[in-house]
Protein backbone atom coordinates (compact mmCIF):
# COMPACT_ATOMS: atom_id res chain seq x y z
CA MET A 1 0.02 -0.13 0.09
CA LYS A 2 1.29 3.49 -0.94
CA GLU A 3 1.98 5.70 2.11
CA PRO A 4 -0.70 8.23 2.54
CA THR A 5 1.65 11.24 2.68
CA ASN A 6 -1.13 13.97 1.87
CA PHE A 7 -2.70 12.62 5.04
CA PHE A 8 0.23 13.01 7.05
CA TYR A 9 1.31 16.38 5.52
CA TYR A 10 -2.24 17.78 6.35
CA TYR A 11 -2.40 15.86 9.89
CA LYS A 12 1.09 17.48 10.70
CA ILE A 13 -0.09 20.91 9.77
CA ALA A 14 -3.23 20.47 11.95
CA ASN A 15 -1.11 19.74 14.89
CA LEU A 16 1.76 21.98 14.30
CA CYS A 17 -0.62 25.35 13.67
CA GLY A 18 -1.97 24.76 17.10
CA GLU A 19 -5.21 24.00 15.81
CA ASP A 20 -6.94 22.58 19.05
CA ASN A 21 -9.99 21.58 17.62
CA LEU A 22 -10.80 18.15 19.65
CA ARG A 23 -13.48 17.43 17.01
CA GLU A 24 -11.13 17.71 14.20
CA LYS A 25 -8.26 15.78 15.56
CA GLU A 26 -10.96 13.02 16.38
CA ILE A 27 -11.82 13.30 12.59
CA LEU A 28 -8.24 13.21 11.59
CA GLU A 29 -7.45 10.10 13.99
CA ASN A 30 -10.75 8.24 12.85
CA TYR A 31 -9.47 8.78 9.29
CA ALA A 32 -6.01 7.57 10.04
CA LEU A 33 -7.82 4.41 11.26
CA ASP A 34 -9.47 3.83 8.28
CA LEU A 35 -6.40 4.40 6.44
CA GLY A 36 -4.79 1.53 8.46
CA ILE A 37 -2.55 3.76 10.40
CA CYS A 38 -1.94 2.76 13.91
CA LYS A 39 -1.49 5.65 16.87
CA LYS A 40 2.31 4.85 16.82
CA GLN A 41 2.55 5.68 13.27
CA LEU A 42 0.34 8.68 13.43
CA ASP A 43 2.43 9.84 16.80
CA ASN A 44 5.83 9.46 14.71
CA SER A 45 4.51 11.12 11.55
CA ILE A 46 4.81 14.46 13.13
CA HIS A 47 8.32 14.32 13.43
CA ASN A 48 8.84 13.36 9.53
CA THR A 49 8.77 15.35 6.36
CA TYR A 50 6.55 14.70 3.63
CA ASP A 51 6.48 15.55 -0.18
CA LEU A 52 2.75 16.91 -0.79
CA ASP A 53 1.41 15.55 -3.74
CA GLU A 54 -0.15 18.62 -5.28
CA SER A 55 -2.35 16.76 -8.33
CA LEU A 56 -5.96 17.48 -8.20
CA THR A 57 -6.90 13.88 -8.33
CA SER A 58 -4.68 13.36 -5.24
CA ASN A 59 -6.10 16.18 -3.38
CA LEU A 60 -9.45 15.36 -4.48
CA LYS A 61 -9.05 11.61 -3.26
CA PHE A 62 -7.49 12.73 0.22
CA LEU A 63 -10.72 14.79 0.44
CA TYR A 64 -13.21 12.17 -0.61
CA GLU A 65 -11.49 9.57 1.51
CA LEU A 66 -11.72 12.23 4.64
CA TYR A 67 -15.60 12.86 3.66
CA ILE A 68 -16.46 9.04 3.56
CA SER A 69 -14.59 8.47 6.97
CA VAL A 70 -16.56 11.49 8.45
CA SER A 71 -20.16 10.16 7.35
CA LYS A 72 -19.24 6.65 8.31
CA ARG A 73 -19.12 8.03 12.00
CA TYR A 74 -21.22 11.25 12.49
CA GLU A 75 -24.15 13.26 11.35
CA ILE A 76 -22.52 16.15 9.64
CA ASP A 77 -23.92 19.18 11.47
CA GLU A 78 -22.56 22.64 10.78
CA GLU A 79 -19.73 22.28 12.73
CA LEU A 80 -18.39 19.27 10.82
CA ASN A 81 -19.28 20.71 7.47
CA GLU A 82 -17.16 23.73 8.50
CA ILE A 83 -14.23 21.53 9.22
CA LEU A 84 -14.28 19.39 5.71
CA LYS A 85 -14.90 22.52 4.17
CA LYS A 86 -11.77 23.91 5.92
CA TYR A 87 -9.80 21.18 4.31
CA CYS A 88 -11.08 21.64 0.64
CA ALA A 89 -9.33 25.28 1.33
CA LYS A 90 -6.20 23.75 2.88
CA VAL A 91 -5.96 21.51 -0.48
CA GLY A 92 -6.10 24.58 -2.81
CA PHE A 93 -9.81 24.50 -3.94
CA PHE A 94 -11.21 28.31 -4.40
CA ASP A 95 -13.61 29.95 -1.83
CA SER A 96 -16.07 30.21 -4.49
CA ASN A 97 -16.32 26.48 -5.11
CA ILE A 98 -15.99 24.78 -1.61
CA GLN A 99 -19.76 25.19 -0.86
CA GLU A 100 -20.72 23.23 -3.91
CA LEU A 101 -17.55 20.77 -3.82
CA SER A 102 -18.30 20.13 -0.13
CA GLU A 103 -22.14 19.24 -0.90
CA ILE A 104 -20.94 16.76 -3.87
CA LEU A 105 -18.37 15.09 -1.85
CA ILE A 106 -21.09 14.66 0.99
CA VAL A 107 -23.63 13.17 -1.16
CA ASN A 108 -21.32 10.69 -2.76
CA ALA A 109 -19.80 9.82 0.70
CA LYS A 110 -23.02 8.58 1.92
CA LYS A 111 -24.03 6.91 -1.22
CA ASN A 112 -20.69 5.50 -1.30
CA THR A 113 -19.80 6.11 -4.71
CA LEU A 114 -16.22 4.58 -6.19
CA PHE A 115 -13.89 7.68 -6.46
CA LYS A 116 -13.54 6.87 -10.21
CA ASP A 117 -17.04 7.60 -10.93
CA LEU A 118 -16.99 10.41 -8.64
CA LEU A 119 -13.89 11.66 -10.45
CA ASN A 120 -15.63 10.86 -14.17
CA SER A 121 -18.98 12.81 -13.08
CA LEU A 122 -16.85 16.06 -12.12
CA ARG A 123 -15.17 15.86 -15.39
CA VAL A 124 -18.62 16.20 -17.28
């Protein structure tokens, strides 16, 4: 399995920026579990350097997997929606696109749409 460097990169950023939103930390830790990352790996990831894959596909995949992880565990309320939209901005989507993108990701995550199918629908 390819190492999820984008996840580690954003997890490290969230921890280094002093963001103490406990719900966000819980969300990222649950996402790590979905990726098969144990607590020790997660703790060690803070000390490593990661190259971010900035391709649109890679960033979208990171976001979509995050949305799937969240939709499996939580009812998406306003606070969670804001956290998720914050990650859309972190990966480089424009503010003007974030609301619509977030809605698309939530709907497809709840339907468990395959990533390749989501990608194809966005290209139309």
